[in-house]
Amino acid sequence: MVMLIMKREGLGLLRAFLVLVGVSALCSVAAGAWSGSAPLDRRGHRHRHPGHLSLHRHRERTGKEGQVLHRSKRGWVWNQFFVIEEYTGPDPVLVGRLHSDVDSGNGNIKYILSGEGAGTIFVIDDKTGNIHATKTLDREEQAQYTLTAQAVDRDTNKPLEPPSEFIVKVQDINDNPPEFLHGPYYARVPEMSNVGTSVMQVTATDADDPTYGNSARLVYSILQGQPYFSVEPQTGIIRTALPNMDREARQEYDVVIQAKDMGGHMGGLSGTTEVKITLTDVNDNPPKFPQSVYAMSVSEDKVAGEEVGRLKAKDPDMGENGLVSYRLTEGDGLGVFDLTTDSQTREAVIKLKKMVDFETKRAYTLRVEATNPHVDPRYIAWGPYKDEATIKIMVEDADEPPVFVAPSYSFEVEENAPEGTLVGRVHAKDTDVANNPVRYMIPRYTDVEQFFSINSEDGMITTTRPLDREAQPWHNISVSATEIGGHHQDTKVRVNIKVKDVNDNAPEFATNNEVLMCETVMPGKVIETVSAVDKDEMAHRQHFTFSLAPEVAHNHNFSLKDNRDSTASIHVLRKGFSRLTQDVYFLPIEINDNGFPSLSSTNILTIRVCSCDSKDTILSCNVEPYVLPAGLSTGALIAILACIVILLAIVVLFVALRRQKKEPLIVFEEEDIRENIITYDDEGGGEEDTEAFDIATLQNPDGANGFLPRKDIKPELQFPLRPGLGRPAANSVDVDDFIKTRIAEADSDPTAPPYDSIQIYGYEGRGSVAGSLSSLESVTTESDLDYDYLQSWGPRFKKLADLYGTKDCPMNDGDDGEDS
C-alpha cells in the first residue's frame, strides 16, 4: 500500500516520483505509467499526465494599463517519500527521483539537494535526480526528514526553477520493547479491602509507531503477586484479588507486572516493572493491656504533680487508629492520684494530685480504662474497643543518698603531668525531693599518698604532683558524694585512673652479671651478647640500639656490634690478656631506646679475665678493678696515689700549725691595729654598686633583735661570721640608720674597751666615693691610744691619721709630748 500526501506547490516545477519499496510496487507504478493512468489529487481525480507529473505555470496578472499577465497552472506534486528503518542491505536504498519539465535529457540540468541529512544521509544524482539513503535509519531517533530540491543550470549554476520542499518518512518496524518509564511503582491500599479494589494503574510506552501495525499494541499481565493481586490486560489497572488481607499479618507485597506488544502474541517484545504495594492501616484491633495488675510505689516526700508510674495499652493499629485514651474509673486513690497521657509515648502517666503520708496510709488501688477514640463503624462488630487494668500503689518512706550518673569512672592522665592537671569529673545528684547540694571528697584510705585532689563543689579531680607510671600505672580511688542537709547520707563511686606512659626512662642492661673471659681468648670471639630493658612501654617498632661510649670507641681490647634486634655482641680485638697484669675491664656501653623523645644511658659491662684450662673451663678469677677508659699502667696509678698522700699530708700540717697559733683575748695597746684591717684594692661603686658587695652583710640580725655581742674580747679569728651573715635579716632596716645606731651604741657604752673591733662595711655612704663608715669615725669616744703610727701607712690611711692623730692633742694635753 502506498501513502501519497499531495499539496500545492506554488514555487516548484519539479515532479516527484515515489519509488516503491519492493519489486511488485515498482512494477505497478510502471504499469500505471505506461497504461496512461495518472496519480490522484486530493479530490481523488486522475491527473492527466501518465507516469510523471508536469507542472506548467502561467502568470495571469493585470497591469496598470489593463495588460493581462499569464501564470502557469498549479500542479499537484508528491511531497512525501518512505523508507524502511533499520535497513541493512549492501547497497544504498533508492528513496525516489526528482525530474524537471525543463530537463530535456541532454545533461544541462543539475539537481541540488539540501535540508536535513542532505549530503550525509541522503544523496542525489545531480544528473538523473535519483535520491538514495546511505545510512541505516531509526524511526525512534527521527521519524521524518524535510529536504529541499532545486534544478540549476550545470554551467552557470543559475536556478531554472524555484526550490521545492518534500518529506522523507521513516517507516516503522517492531524493534523496541515496551518500557515502564516511571517504575518501580509504589502503591497503597487499605487492609481488609474487598476483592477488586483498585490499587493503581501502571502504563508502559512503546517507541514503535502506534499507527502502523501492532508494534505498539500492549497487553498487561502479572508475573508475581498472585493470588493477592490481579491486573487488567488492556488498562494495566492493578486490583486486589483476596479478601481480608491483614496489615498486622503482612504489610508489604512485591508485584511484578509485564507489558507485551504485538497484542501479546508470540514474537512480541515485553518489558516488566515492579510495584511495591503497602497495606494501610484501619482500626480493626482494640487496645489491650499487657497485664491485668500493675504495681507502683511512691515516696512520701514526693510533692504534688510528680510522676508515680506509667503503663501502656498496646494497639497494633497505626496512626490515629492506634491512639489510646485513658481514664481512671474507680479506686480509693481517685482523690490522691491523677492520670494524664504522654503525647510522645502515648503512655498513661500516674501523678500525685496531693502528697501522701506513709504513717497515715501505705497503699492505694486504682482502676484504669483504655479505649480507642476513633472507631471505624465497619468494624464495630469486632469490638469492644477498650480494656481495663488494676494499679496498686505502695507508699514508701525513704531518704536516698546522692546518686552518681555513672556506676564507675575511668580516666587517663599522662605521667609527669604538672601539678593541677585535670584528670576528669564525677557528678552525683540528690534524687530526693529536697535536691540538696552535693559535696565531694576523696577518702584518704583510697589515696593514701594523696596523689589526687577533688573540688568539693563541682567534682573536678586534679593531680597534686607528677605521676610516675613505672611506679604505679593505675590508681584506683573512691569518690564520696554527700548531700548537704537532710541525713547527710553519702555514696561512693569507683574511679580508675590510668597513668599514660611517656618515654622518661632510659634503657639499661637486662642483667648486670659479670662477663668471664679466658686469658687465652682469641681475637674476634663473641664473649657476650647484651640486651636491654626499659621501664617504659615499648612503642610500635621501637627497639634498642647499642654503641660504645665515645671515650672507649677506639680502644684496642673490645668492640661492639649492634645486631639490630635490640641486642649487641661484644667481640675481642686482641689476644694476650693476662689476669696478673689486669684482671677486670669496665666497658661503658651506650643504649638508646629510639623513643620519643629518645633517651639513652651509659651502662658499664664488667669483663673479668680468668684462668682457664685447655678446654676453656674457668679455673679462677682475680678481683682487682681496673677502669678501661683510663688505660693507665700500675706504675702510673702508684704515682697518682703518692701525690694524693703528699697533698693530704700538707693539708694536715697546715691545720696543725693553725691550731698551735695562740692569740691573746685582749688586744694590748702595743699591738698593731693593722691586724684587724683588711685592705681591698677595689674601691667599689658606692651604694649604686650592687655587684661588688653584698649589702646583706651590713645588716646584723643580732643587733636588729636587740642582742649586742660583747666586744671586750678579741675574737679568735679576725673576722668571724655571725649567724645570719650573708642573708638579709627578717626585719631589714635601712643601712645608713643601722650604722648610725651602732656608732651611737658604741660611743655611749661605758663598758666598751678602748677599741671597738673594727668593722668593714660595703656601704660607702651618701655622696661619698670611698669614705669609710666604720666606727673609727666615732670622734666623741674618749681614747688614750696612740694613733700617730697611722701617718706611716701612706696616703690611703691619711684620713684616719688626721682624724685620730690631730684630735688626740687637745683631748690629752698632758700627754702631748708622749704622743708626739
Foldseek 3Di string as FASTA:
>chain_A
DDDFDKDWDPFFFKAWDEQDPDDVVNVVLVVQQVVQWADADPVRDTDRHGSIWGWFFWAFDQDPVRDTGITTDITIHGFEWEDEAPDDDPDWAWTIFMDGPVCPLPQQKFKDKDFPCEPHQWDADRRGRTITGPDGDDCLVPFKTKMKMFIAGPVPRHTPTDIDIHMYGYAWDLDWAWAQPDDPAEWEAAAQDDWFAWTAATDIFTSTDPVDAFSTQKFKFWDDDPPQWTAHGRTRTITGRDGRGDCLVPFKDKIKMKIWIPNPDPPTHMDIGIYIYTHAFDLQWAWAFPDFEAEWEEEQQDFFPDWTDKGDTADPHDDLSGQKDKDWDDWPCPVFWGWDADPPPRIITITGHGGDDCVPDFKIKIKMKIFRPDDDPVNVVSDDRMDMHMYMYGYDHDQDWWDKPDQAAEWEDAAQDAFFAWTDFTDTWGPGPVGAAKFKFWPCVLVVVQQWGAHRHGRTITGHGGHDCLVPQKRKTKMKIFGDDDPRDIDIHIYIYGHAYDQDWAKDWPDQDAFEDEQADAFFDFRDKIAIDTSTDQDPPWAKFKAFDPLCNPPQAWGWATPVHRIITITGRHHRDDVVFPFKEWTWMKMWRPHVVIDIDIYIHIYGYAHADPVRHGDDTDDDDDYHSVPDGPVVVVVVVVVVVVVVVVVVVVVVVVVVDDDFFADDLVDDPCVLDDDDPDLAAAPVGCPPDPQQQLDDLCVVVVHDDAQRTQDPDSDDDDPPGPHHHPPHDDSVVSLVVVLVVQQPDPPHPLDRSWDFHPHQDPPDSRHGSTSLQSLNHDHPHQPCCLVVVDDVSVVSCCSPVVVVCVVCVVCNVVSD
